[in-house]
Structure formats: structure tokens, C-alpha cells
All heavy atoms as atom14 arrays in JSON, in Angstrom:
{
  "sequence": "YMYLWYPSGDCYFERNVFIGFQGISAGTQGHHVYVTNNVFYDQQGPYA",
  "atom14_mask": [
    [1, 1, 1, 1, 1, 1, 1, 1, 1, 1, 1, 1, 0, 0],
    [1, 1, 1, 1, 1, 1, 1, 1, 0, 0, 0, 0, 0, 0],
    [1, 1, 1, 1, 1, 1, 1, 1, 1, 1, 1, 1, 0, 0],
    [1, 1, 1, 1, 1, 1, 1, 1, 0, 0, 0, 0, 0, 0],
    [1, 1, 1, 1, 1, 1, 1, 1, 1, 1, 1, 1, 1, 1],
    [1, 1, 1, 1, 1, 1, 1, 1, 1, 1, 1, 1, 0, 0],
    [1, 1, 1, 1, 1, 1, 1, 0, 0, 0, 0, 0, 0, 0],
    [1, 1, 1, 1, 1, 1, 0, 0, 0, 0, 0, 0, 0, 0],
    [1, 1, 1, 1, 0, 0, 0, 0, 0, 0, 0, 0, 0, 0],
    [1, 1, 1, 1, 1, 1, 1, 1, 0, 0, 0, 0, 0, 0],
    [1, 1, 1, 1, 1, 1, 0, 0, 0, 0, 0, 0, 0, 0],
    [1, 1, 1, 1, 1, 1, 1, 1, 1, 1, 1, 1, 0, 0],
    [1, 1, 1, 1, 1, 1, 1, 1, 1, 1, 1, 0, 0, 0],
    [1, 1, 1, 1, 1, 1, 1, 1, 1, 0, 0, 0, 0, 0],
    [1, 1, 1, 1, 1, 1, 1, 1, 1, 1, 1, 0, 0, 0],
    [1, 1, 1, 1, 1, 1, 1, 1, 0, 0, 0, 0, 0, 0],
    [1, 1, 1, 1, 1, 1, 1, 0, 0, 0, 0, 0, 0, 0],
    [1, 1, 1, 1, 1, 1, 1, 1, 1, 1, 1, 0, 0, 0],
    [1, 1, 1, 1, 1, 1, 1, 1, 0, 0, 0, 0, 0, 0],
    [1, 1, 1, 1, 0, 0, 0, 0, 0, 0, 0, 0, 0, 0],
    [1, 1, 1, 1, 1, 1, 1, 1, 1, 1, 1, 0, 0, 0],
    [1, 1, 1, 1, 1, 1, 1, 1, 1, 0, 0, 0, 0, 0],
    [1, 1, 1, 1, 0, 0, 0, 0, 0, 0, 0, 0, 0, 0],
    [1, 1, 1, 1, 1, 1, 1, 1, 0, 0, 0, 0, 0, 0],
    [1, 1, 1, 1, 1, 1, 0, 0, 0, 0, 0, 0, 0, 0],
    [1, 1, 1, 1, 1, 0, 0, 0, 0, 0, 0, 0, 0, 0],
    [1, 1, 1, 1, 0, 0, 0, 0, 0, 0, 0, 0, 0, 0],
    [1, 1, 1, 1, 1, 1, 1, 0, 0, 0, 0, 0, 0, 0],
    [1, 1, 1, 1, 1, 1, 1, 1, 1, 0, 0, 0, 0, 0],
    [1, 1, 1, 1, 0, 0, 0, 0, 0, 0, 0, 0, 0, 0],
    [1, 1, 1, 1, 1, 1, 1, 1, 1, 1, 0, 0, 0, 0],
    [1, 1, 1, 1, 1, 1, 1, 1, 1, 1, 0, 0, 0, 0],
    [1, 1, 1, 1, 1, 1, 1, 0, 0, 0, 0, 0, 0, 0],
    [1, 1, 1, 1, 1, 1, 1, 1, 1, 1, 1, 1, 0, 0],
    [1, 1, 1, 1, 1, 1, 1, 0, 0, 0, 0, 0, 0, 0],
    [1, 1, 1, 1, 1, 1, 1, 0, 0, 0, 0, 0, 0, 0],
    [1, 1, 1, 1, 1, 1, 1, 1, 0, 0, 0, 0, 0, 0],
    [1, 1, 1, 1, 1, 1, 1, 1, 0, 0, 0, 0, 0, 0],
    [1, 1, 1, 1, 1, 1, 1, 0, 0, 0, 0, 0, 0, 0],
    [1, 1, 1, 1, 1, 1, 1, 1, 1, 1, 1, 0, 0, 0],
    [1, 1, 1, 1, 1, 1, 1, 1, 1, 1, 1, 1, 0, 0],
    [1, 1, 1, 1, 1, 1, 1, 1, 0, 0, 0, 0, 0, 0],
    [1, 1, 1, 1, 1, 1, 1, 1, 1, 0, 0, 0, 0, 0],
    [1, 1, 1, 1, 1, 1, 1, 1, 1, 0, 0, 0, 0, 0],
    [1, 1, 1, 1, 0, 0, 0, 0, 0, 0, 0, 0, 0, 0],
    [1, 1, 1, 1, 1, 1, 1, 0, 0, 0, 0, 0, 0, 0],
    [1, 1, 1, 1, 1, 1, 1, 1, 1, 1, 1, 1, 0, 0],
    [1, 1, 1, 1, 1, 0, 0, 0, 0, 0, 0, 0, 0, 0]
  ],
  "atom14_positions": [
    [[265.49, 125.9, 0.58], [264.84, 125.27, 1.76], [264.99, 126.22, 2.95], [265.89, 127.08, 2.97], [265.42, 123.93, 2.08], [266.89, 123.98, 2.36], [267.42, 123.93, 3.67], [267.87, 123.87, 1.36], [268.75, 124.02, 4.02], [269.24, 123.81, 1.7], [269.7, 123.95, 2.96], [270.99, 123.97, 3.29], [0.0, 0.0, 0.0], [0.0, 0.0, 0.0]],
    [[264.28, 126.01, 4.0], [264.46, 126.81, 5.25], [265.35, 126.02, 6.23], [265.23, 124.79, 6.43], [263.03, 126.9, 5.94], [262.07, 127.73, 5.18], [260.37, 127.86, 5.99], [260.8, 128.78, 7.42], [0.0, 0.0, 0.0], [0.0, 0.0, 0.0], [0.0, 0.0, 0.0], [0.0, 0.0, 0.0], [0.0, 0.0, 0.0], [0.0, 0.0, 0.0]],
    [[266.28, 126.74, 6.74], [267.4, 126.12, 7.58], [267.29, 126.71, 8.99], [267.72, 127.85, 9.23], [268.74, 126.46, 6.91], [269.86, 125.64, 7.38], [269.76, 124.2, 7.46], [271.06, 126.28, 7.83], [270.88, 123.48, 7.84], [272.12, 125.49, 8.24], [272.07, 124.16, 8.33], [273.09, 123.39, 8.73], [0.0, 0.0, 0.0], [0.0, 0.0, 0.0]],
    [[266.88, 125.91, 9.87], [266.8, 126.26, 11.29], [268.02, 125.69, 12.1], [268.03, 124.48, 12.41], [265.44, 125.82, 11.99], [264.16, 126.13, 11.13], [263.02, 125.7, 11.84], [264.13, 127.59, 10.73], [0.0, 0.0, 0.0], [0.0, 0.0, 0.0], [0.0, 0.0, 0.0], [0.0, 0.0, 0.0], [0.0, 0.0, 0.0], [0.0, 0.0, 0.0]],
    [[269.03, 126.51, 12.33], [270.16, 126.13, 13.06], [270.05, 126.47, 14.46], [270.32, 127.54, 14.88], [271.33, 126.79, 12.35], [272.75, 126.37, 12.8], [273.24, 126.68, 14.06], [273.68, 125.51, 12.23], [274.5, 126.12, 14.22], [274.79, 125.38, 13.09], [273.72, 124.88, 10.99], [275.89, 124.67, 12.74], [274.89, 124.17, 10.68], [275.9, 124.06, 11.51]],
    [[269.69, 125.44, 15.38], [269.59, 125.63, 16.74], [268.79, 126.87, 17.18], [269.43, 127.78, 17.71], [270.92, 125.61, 17.41], [271.77, 124.44, 17.04], [273.08, 124.36, 16.47], [271.29, 123.1, 17.33], [273.73, 123.2, 16.17], [271.91, 121.9, 17.03], [273.19, 121.94, 16.44], [273.88, 120.88, 16.23], [0.0, 0.0, 0.0], [0.0, 0.0, 0.0]],
    [[267.56, 126.99, 16.91], [266.78, 128.11, 17.32], [266.91, 128.46, 18.79], [267.12, 127.56, 19.64], [265.32, 127.68, 16.96], [265.49, 126.64, 15.93], [266.72, 125.88, 16.28], [0.0, 0.0, 0.0], [0.0, 0.0, 0.0], [0.0, 0.0, 0.0], [0.0, 0.0, 0.0], [0.0, 0.0, 0.0], [0.0, 0.0, 0.0], [0.0, 0.0, 0.0]],
    [[266.82, 129.75, 19.03], [267.01, 130.21, 20.49], [265.71, 130.02, 21.31], [265.74, 130.36, 22.51], [267.41, 131.62, 20.49], [266.49, 132.54, 19.8], [0.0, 0.0, 0.0], [0.0, 0.0, 0.0], [0.0, 0.0, 0.0], [0.0, 0.0, 0.0], [0.0, 0.0, 0.0], [0.0, 0.0, 0.0], [0.0, 0.0, 0.0], [0.0, 0.0, 0.0]],
    [[264.65, 129.55, 20.71], [263.39, 129.33, 21.39], [262.51, 128.33, 20.57], [262.91, 127.97, 19.44], [0.0, 0.0, 0.0], [0.0, 0.0, 0.0], [0.0, 0.0, 0.0], [0.0, 0.0, 0.0], [0.0, 0.0, 0.0], [0.0, 0.0, 0.0], [0.0, 0.0, 0.0], [0.0, 0.0, 0.0], [0.0, 0.0, 0.0], [0.0, 0.0, 0.0]],
    [[261.38, 127.96, 21.04], [260.48, 127.13, 20.26], [259.95, 127.81, 19.03], [259.71, 128.99, 19.15], [259.29, 126.71, 21.19], [259.67, 125.7, 22.29], [260.83, 125.22, 22.24], [258.87, 125.47, 23.18], [0.0, 0.0, 0.0], [0.0, 0.0, 0.0], [0.0, 0.0, 0.0], [0.0, 0.0, 0.0], [0.0, 0.0, 0.0], [0.0, 0.0, 0.0]],
    [[259.88, 127.13, 17.98], [259.4, 127.66, 16.7], [258.13, 126.95, 16.32], [257.96, 125.82, 16.56], [260.4, 127.45, 15.57], [261.99, 128.45, 15.86], [0.0, 0.0, 0.0], [0.0, 0.0, 0.0], [0.0, 0.0, 0.0], [0.0, 0.0, 0.0], [0.0, 0.0, 0.0], [0.0, 0.0, 0.0], [0.0, 0.0, 0.0], [0.0, 0.0, 0.0]],
    [[257.27, 127.73, 15.7], [255.84, 127.25, 15.4], [255.56, 127.52, 13.86], [255.65, 128.69, 13.42], [254.76, 127.85, 16.21], [254.93, 127.49, 17.67], [255.78, 128.22, 18.46], [254.18, 126.45, 18.27], [255.9, 127.99, 19.81], [254.34, 126.14, 19.55], [255.2, 126.9, 20.35], [255.29, 126.53, 21.63], [0.0, 0.0, 0.0], [0.0, 0.0, 0.0]],
    [[255.13, 126.42, 13.1], [254.6, 126.58, 11.73], [253.29, 126.04, 11.74], [253.04, 124.81, 11.93], [255.58, 125.81, 10.83], [256.95, 126.32, 10.8], [257.9, 125.81, 11.7], [257.38, 127.2, 9.78], [259.21, 126.27, 11.61], [258.73, 127.71, 9.72], [259.67, 127.2, 10.7], [0.0, 0.0, 0.0], [0.0, 0.0, 0.0], [0.0, 0.0, 0.0]],
    [[252.2, 126.84, 11.61], [250.85, 126.44, 11.82], [249.93, 126.92, 10.68], [249.95, 128.06, 10.33], [250.29, 126.92, 13.09], [251.12, 126.5, 14.4], [250.69, 127.1, 15.66], [250.37, 128.41, 15.66], [250.59, 126.45, 16.68], [0.0, 0.0, 0.0], [0.0, 0.0, 0.0], [0.0, 0.0, 0.0], [0.0, 0.0, 0.0], [0.0, 0.0, 0.0]],
    [[249.22, 125.96, 10.08], [248.06, 126.25, 9.15], [248.67, 126.98, 7.86], [247.98, 127.79, 7.34], [247.04, 126.97, 9.73], [246.3, 126.31, 10.88], [245.24, 127.15, 11.56], [245.72, 128.42, 12.0], [246.41, 128.68, 13.07], [246.62, 127.65, 13.94], [246.91, 129.87, 13.4], [0.0, 0.0, 0.0], [0.0, 0.0, 0.0], [0.0, 0.0, 0.0]],
    [[249.88, 126.58, 7.46], [250.41, 127.19, 6.23], [250.19, 126.3, 4.99], [250.0, 125.08, 5.19], [251.85, 127.55, 6.43], [252.11, 128.44, 7.62], [251.74, 129.66, 7.61], [252.73, 127.91, 8.66], [0.0, 0.0, 0.0], [0.0, 0.0, 0.0], [0.0, 0.0, 0.0], [0.0, 0.0, 0.0], [0.0, 0.0, 0.0], [0.0, 0.0, 0.0]],
    [[250.28, 126.87, 3.8], [250.21, 126.14, 2.62], [251.58, 126.24, 1.91], [251.96, 127.46, 1.61], [249.13, 126.48, 1.63], [249.15, 125.73, 0.37], [247.79, 126.36, 2.33], [0.0, 0.0, 0.0], [0.0, 0.0, 0.0], [0.0, 0.0, 0.0], [0.0, 0.0, 0.0], [0.0, 0.0, 0.0], [0.0, 0.0, 0.0], [0.0, 0.0, 0.0]],
    [[252.39, 125.2, 1.73], [253.69, 125.32, 1.09], [253.48, 124.64, -0.33], [253.17, 123.44, -0.51], [254.7, 124.5, 1.86], [254.98, 125.09, 3.23], [254.32, 124.58, 4.39], [255.88, 126.05, 3.41], [254.57, 125.11, 5.61], [256.18, 126.59, 4.63], [255.44, 126.09, 5.75], [0.0, 0.0, 0.0], [0.0, 0.0, 0.0], [0.0, 0.0, 0.0]],
    [[253.82, 125.46, -1.31], [253.59, 125.05, -2.69], [254.93, 125.19, -3.47], [255.6, 126.18, -3.38], [252.58, 125.89, -3.51], [251.25, 125.82, -2.7], [252.32, 125.35, -4.96], [250.26, 126.87, -3.28], [0.0, 0.0, 0.0], [0.0, 0.0, 0.0], [0.0, 0.0, 0.0], [0.0, 0.0, 0.0], [0.0, 0.0, 0.0], [0.0, 0.0, 0.0]],
    [[255.4, 124.13, -4.14], [256.73, 124.21, -4.8], [257.81, 124.43, -3.76], [258.76, 125.09, -4.05], [0.0, 0.0, 0.0], [0.0, 0.0, 0.0], [0.0, 0.0, 0.0], [0.0, 0.0, 0.0], [0.0, 0.0, 0.0], [0.0, 0.0, 0.0], [0.0, 0.0, 0.0], [0.0, 0.0, 0.0], [0.0, 0.0, 0.0], [0.0, 0.0, 0.0]],
    [[257.6, 123.77, -2.65], [258.57, 124.02, -1.55], [259.72, 123.02, -1.48], [259.68, 121.93, -1.89], [257.74, 123.81, -0.19], [258.42, 124.32, 1.03], [258.98, 125.59, 1.17], [258.46, 123.46, 2.16], [259.53, 125.98, 2.35], [259.03, 123.84, 3.32], [259.59, 125.11, 3.4], [0.0, 0.0, 0.0], [0.0, 0.0, 0.0], [0.0, 0.0, 0.0]],
    [[260.85, 123.55, -0.93], [262.09, 122.72, -0.88], [262.39, 122.18, 0.49], [263.38, 121.52, 0.68], [263.37, 123.54, -1.41], [263.14, 123.95, -2.84], [264.28, 124.53, -3.5], [265.37, 124.01, -3.26], [264.23, 125.61, -4.22], [0.0, 0.0, 0.0], [0.0, 0.0, 0.0], [0.0, 0.0, 0.0], [0.0, 0.0, 0.0], [0.0, 0.0, 0.0]],
    [[261.54, 122.47, 1.48], [261.65, 121.77, 2.78], [262.11, 122.6, 3.9], [262.6, 123.67, 3.85], [0.0, 0.0, 0.0], [0.0, 0.0, 0.0], [0.0, 0.0, 0.0], [0.0, 0.0, 0.0], [0.0, 0.0, 0.0], [0.0, 0.0, 0.0], [0.0, 0.0, 0.0], [0.0, 0.0, 0.0], [0.0, 0.0, 0.0], [0.0, 0.0, 0.0]],
    [[261.82, 122.06, 5.14], [262.25, 122.63, 6.4], [263.31, 121.78, 6.96], [263.16, 120.54, 7.15], [261.13, 122.8, 7.48], [260.03, 123.75, 6.89], [261.65, 123.27, 8.8], [258.73, 123.73, 7.7], [0.0, 0.0, 0.0], [0.0, 0.0, 0.0], [0.0, 0.0, 0.0], [0.0, 0.0, 0.0], [0.0, 0.0, 0.0], [0.0, 0.0, 0.0]],
    [[264.52, 122.24, 7.21], [265.67, 121.51, 7.82], [265.98, 122.1, 9.08], [266.36, 123.22, 9.2], [266.91, 121.69, 6.88], [267.98, 120.97, 7.35], [0.0, 0.0, 0.0], [0.0, 0.0, 0.0], [0.0, 0.0, 0.0], [0.0, 0.0, 0.0], [0.0, 0.0, 0.0], [0.0, 0.0, 0.0], [0.0, 0.0, 0.0], [0.0, 0.0, 0.0]],
    [[265.87, 121.29, 10.16], [265.95, 121.69, 11.55], [266.96, 120.95, 12.35], [267.06, 119.72, 12.27], [264.57, 121.67, 12.23], [0.0, 0.0, 0.0], [0.0, 0.0, 0.0], [0.0, 0.0, 0.0], [0.0, 0.0, 0.0], [0.0, 0.0, 0.0], [0.0, 0.0, 0.0], [0.0, 0.0, 0.0], [0.0, 0.0, 0.0], [0.0, 0.0, 0.0]],
    [[267.74, 121.69, 13.14], [268.6, 121.15, 14.24], [268.22, 121.88, 15.46], [268.17, 123.05, 15.49], [0.0, 0.0, 0.0], [0.0, 0.0, 0.0], [0.0, 0.0, 0.0], [0.0, 0.0, 0.0], [0.0, 0.0, 0.0], [0.0, 0.0, 0.0], [0.0, 0.0, 0.0], [0.0, 0.0, 0.0], [0.0, 0.0, 0.0], [0.0, 0.0, 0.0]],
    [[267.96, 121.12, 16.56], [267.49, 121.8, 17.75], [268.42, 121.4, 18.94], [269.08, 120.34, 18.9], [266.04, 121.26, 18.15], [266.05, 119.8, 18.19], [265.05, 121.7, 17.05], [0.0, 0.0, 0.0], [0.0, 0.0, 0.0], [0.0, 0.0, 0.0], [0.0, 0.0, 0.0], [0.0, 0.0, 0.0], [0.0, 0.0, 0.0], [0.0, 0.0, 0.0]],
    [[268.38, 122.28, 19.93], [269.13, 122.15, 21.13], [268.38, 122.74, 22.32], [268.38, 123.87, 22.53], [270.51, 122.77, 21.0], [271.39, 122.54, 22.2], [272.87, 122.96, 21.94], [273.67, 122.07, 21.79], [273.09, 124.25, 21.76], [0.0, 0.0, 0.0], [0.0, 0.0, 0.0], [0.0, 0.0, 0.0], [0.0, 0.0, 0.0], [0.0, 0.0, 0.0]],
    [[267.63, 121.83, 22.95], [266.89, 122.33, 24.1], [265.52, 123.01, 23.77], [264.79, 123.39, 24.7], [0.0, 0.0, 0.0], [0.0, 0.0, 0.0], [0.0, 0.0, 0.0], [0.0, 0.0, 0.0], [0.0, 0.0, 0.0], [0.0, 0.0, 0.0], [0.0, 0.0, 0.0], [0.0, 0.0, 0.0], [0.0, 0.0, 0.0], [0.0, 0.0, 0.0]],
    [[265.18, 123.12, 22.52], [263.91, 123.7, 22.09], [263.23, 122.77, 21.04], [263.79, 121.79, 20.59], [264.19, 125.05, 21.52], [264.79, 126.02, 22.46], [264.12, 126.54, 23.57], [266.05, 126.6, 22.54], [264.88, 127.37, 24.19], [266.12, 127.37, 23.58], [0.0, 0.0, 0.0], [0.0, 0.0, 0.0], [0.0, 0.0, 0.0], [0.0, 0.0, 0.0]],
    [[262.05, 123.1, 20.72], [261.25, 122.31, 19.81], [260.83, 123.14, 18.59], [260.64, 124.3, 18.57], [259.95, 121.85, 20.53], [260.15, 121.13, 21.77], [260.59, 119.85, 21.85], [260.09, 121.63, 23.12], [260.81, 119.48, 23.11], [260.49, 120.54, 23.85], [0.0, 0.0, 0.0], [0.0, 0.0, 0.0], [0.0, 0.0, 0.0], [0.0, 0.0, 0.0]],
    [[260.74, 122.39, 17.46], [260.19, 122.99, 16.27], [258.79, 122.22, 16.0], [258.77, 121.05, 15.77], [261.04, 122.8, 15.02], [260.39, 123.26, 13.73], [262.3, 123.55, 15.28], [0.0, 0.0, 0.0], [0.0, 0.0, 0.0], [0.0, 0.0, 0.0], [0.0, 0.0, 0.0], [0.0, 0.0, 0.0], [0.0, 0.0, 0.0], [0.0, 0.0, 0.0]],
    [[257.63, 122.99, 16.1], [256.33, 122.4, 15.89], [255.87, 122.76, 14.43], [255.76, 123.9, 14.08], [255.4, 123.0, 16.88], [255.72, 122.73, 18.36], [256.44, 123.57, 19.12], [255.31, 121.4, 18.91], [256.71, 123.26, 20.49], [255.63, 121.13, 20.21], [256.28, 122.01, 20.98], [256.66, 121.72, 22.32], [0.0, 0.0, 0.0], [0.0, 0.0, 0.0]],
    [[255.59, 121.69, 13.71], [255.06, 121.86, 12.38], [253.64, 121.2, 12.33], [253.57, 119.96, 12.25], [255.97, 121.25, 11.35], [255.49, 121.49, 9.94], [257.38, 121.67, 11.54], [0.0, 0.0, 0.0], [0.0, 0.0, 0.0], [0.0, 0.0, 0.0], [0.0, 0.0, 0.0], [0.0, 0.0, 0.0], [0.0, 0.0, 0.0], [0.0, 0.0, 0.0]],
    [[252.62, 122.01, 12.44], [251.26, 121.47, 12.65], [250.23, 122.09, 11.64], [250.31, 123.25, 11.41], [250.8, 121.69, 14.08], [250.88, 123.11, 14.37], [251.69, 120.91, 15.05], [0.0, 0.0, 0.0], [0.0, 0.0, 0.0], [0.0, 0.0, 0.0], [0.0, 0.0, 0.0], [0.0, 0.0, 0.0], [0.0, 0.0, 0.0], [0.0, 0.0, 0.0]],
    [[249.38, 121.26, 11.14], [248.23, 121.64, 10.35], [248.7, 122.44, 9.04], [248.04, 123.42, 8.7], [247.27, 122.5, 11.18], [246.58, 121.73, 12.32], [246.92, 122.0, 13.43], [245.63, 120.85, 11.84], [0.0, 0.0, 0.0], [0.0, 0.0, 0.0], [0.0, 0.0, 0.0], [0.0, 0.0, 0.0], [0.0, 0.0, 0.0], [0.0, 0.0, 0.0]],
    [[249.82, 122.03, 8.46], [250.23, 122.63, 7.31], [249.88, 121.68, 6.05], [249.73, 120.45, 6.23], [251.8, 122.86, 7.36], [252.09, 123.72, 8.51], [251.99, 124.91, 8.37], [252.54, 123.12, 9.54], [0.0, 0.0, 0.0], [0.0, 0.0, 0.0], [0.0, 0.0, 0.0], [0.0, 0.0, 0.0], [0.0, 0.0, 0.0], [0.0, 0.0, 0.0]],
    [[249.94, 122.23, 4.85], [249.81, 121.51, 3.63], [251.08, 121.6, 2.87], [251.62, 122.65, 2.63], [248.62, 122.03, 2.73], [248.46, 121.23, 1.45], [247.24, 121.93, 3.55], [0.0, 0.0, 0.0], [0.0, 0.0, 0.0], [0.0, 0.0, 0.0], [0.0, 0.0, 0.0], [0.0, 0.0, 0.0], [0.0, 0.0, 0.0], [0.0, 0.0, 0.0]],
    [[251.62, 120.42, 2.35], [252.74, 120.39, 1.48], [252.39, 119.76, 0.18], [251.92, 118.59, 0.13], [253.84, 119.6, 2.18], [254.36, 120.19, 3.49], [253.78, 119.84, 4.66], [255.42, 121.05, 3.49], [254.17, 120.38, 5.91], [255.94, 121.59, 4.69], [255.25, 121.19, 5.95], [0.0, 0.0, 0.0], [0.0, 0.0, 0.0], [0.0, 0.0, 0.0]],
    [[252.47, 120.46, -0.96], [252.39, 119.76, -2.17], [253.12, 120.47, -3.29], [253.63, 121.58, -3.12], [250.86, 119.66, -2.59], [250.13, 120.9, -2.93], [249.88, 121.33, -4.29], [249.46, 121.73, -2.03], [249.23, 122.35, -4.66], [248.79, 122.76, -2.28], [248.62, 123.13, -3.64], [247.88, 124.23, -3.98], [0.0, 0.0, 0.0], [0.0, 0.0, 0.0]],
    [[253.24, 119.73, -4.45], [254.14, 120.21, -5.5], [255.54, 120.29, -4.97], [256.32, 121.27, -5.25], [253.67, 121.41, -6.19], [254.53, 121.71, -7.46], [255.08, 120.77, -8.03], [254.49, 122.85, -7.92], [0.0, 0.0, 0.0], [0.0, 0.0, 0.0], [0.0, 0.0, 0.0], [0.0, 0.0, 0.0], [0.0, 0.0, 0.0], [0.0, 0.0, 0.0]],
    [[255.95, 119.35, -4.17], [257.21, 119.43, -3.46], [258.37, 119.41, -4.41], [258.5, 118.55, -5.33], [257.33, 118.15, -2.53], [258.55, 118.12, -1.62], [258.41, 116.89, -0.64], [257.44, 116.71, -0.05], [259.49, 116.21, -0.5], [0.0, 0.0, 0.0], [0.0, 0.0, 0.0], [0.0, 0.0, 0.0], [0.0, 0.0, 0.0], [0.0, 0.0, 0.0]],
    [[259.33, 120.36, -4.21], [260.5, 120.49, -5.14], [261.81, 120.02, -4.54], [262.73, 119.7, -5.29], [260.67, 121.97, -5.63], [259.46, 122.52, -6.35], [259.2, 121.74, -7.66], [260.08, 121.63, -8.45], [258.01, 121.29, -7.78], [0.0, 0.0, 0.0], [0.0, 0.0, 0.0], [0.0, 0.0, 0.0], [0.0, 0.0, 0.0], [0.0, 0.0, 0.0]],
    [[261.83, 119.92, -3.23], [263.13, 119.45, -2.65], [263.09, 117.96, -2.3], [262.02, 117.29, -2.54], [0.0, 0.0, 0.0], [0.0, 0.0, 0.0], [0.0, 0.0, 0.0], [0.0, 0.0, 0.0], [0.0, 0.0, 0.0], [0.0, 0.0, 0.0], [0.0, 0.0, 0.0], [0.0, 0.0, 0.0], [0.0, 0.0, 0.0], [0.0, 0.0, 0.0]],
    [[264.12, 117.42, -1.75], [264.09, 115.92, -1.4], [263.34, 115.51, -0.23], [263.29, 114.34, 0.09], [265.63, 115.68, -1.29], [266.21, 116.97, -0.83], [265.39, 118.0, -1.5], [0.0, 0.0, 0.0], [0.0, 0.0, 0.0], [0.0, 0.0, 0.0], [0.0, 0.0, 0.0], [0.0, 0.0, 0.0], [0.0, 0.0, 0.0], [0.0, 0.0, 0.0]],
    [[262.78, 116.43, 0.5], [261.99, 116.14, 1.65], [261.09, 117.37, 2.05], [261.35, 118.44, 1.48], [262.91, 115.89, 2.99], [263.86, 117.04, 3.17], [263.55, 118.15, 3.84], [265.16, 117.01, 2.66], [264.35, 119.21, 4.02], [266.07, 118.03, 2.79], [265.61, 119.16, 3.58], [266.54, 120.18, 3.82], [0.0, 0.0, 0.0], [0.0, 0.0, 0.0]],
    [[260.16, 117.11, 2.77], [259.29, 118.27, 3.35], [259.79, 118.79, 4.68], [259.95, 119.95, 4.94], [257.8, 117.83, 3.49], [0.0, 0.0, 0.0], [0.0, 0.0, 0.0], [0.0, 0.0, 0.0], [0.0, 0.0, 0.0], [0.0, 0.0, 0.0], [0.0, 0.0, 0.0], [0.0, 0.0, 0.0], [0.0, 0.0, 0.0], [0.0, 0.0, 0.0]]
  ]
}
């Protein structure tokens, strides 16, 4: 899985296709993680 531990700025995930994916795990402090217009399928982890 992808592990975002308090990014130093805003992060953007846009128009991606995730296949057999194990998820995005994020913790934020004063910034935002934007996950927009993506496709998730054949999910392999416990969450997207």
C-alpha cells in the first residue's frame, strides 16, 4: 500500500487507474490529500 505520513504539502492523485491495488493510507497535518477521478478495481488490500 501507499503510506503518506504527514506530507509536507498538498498531494494530488488524479485520473489514475489502480489495478490489484492495496490502498492509499494517509495521515495529514495542515495539508490535504486529494484523490479525484481515479478508478479502483481488483482491490487486493482491506481498503482503497
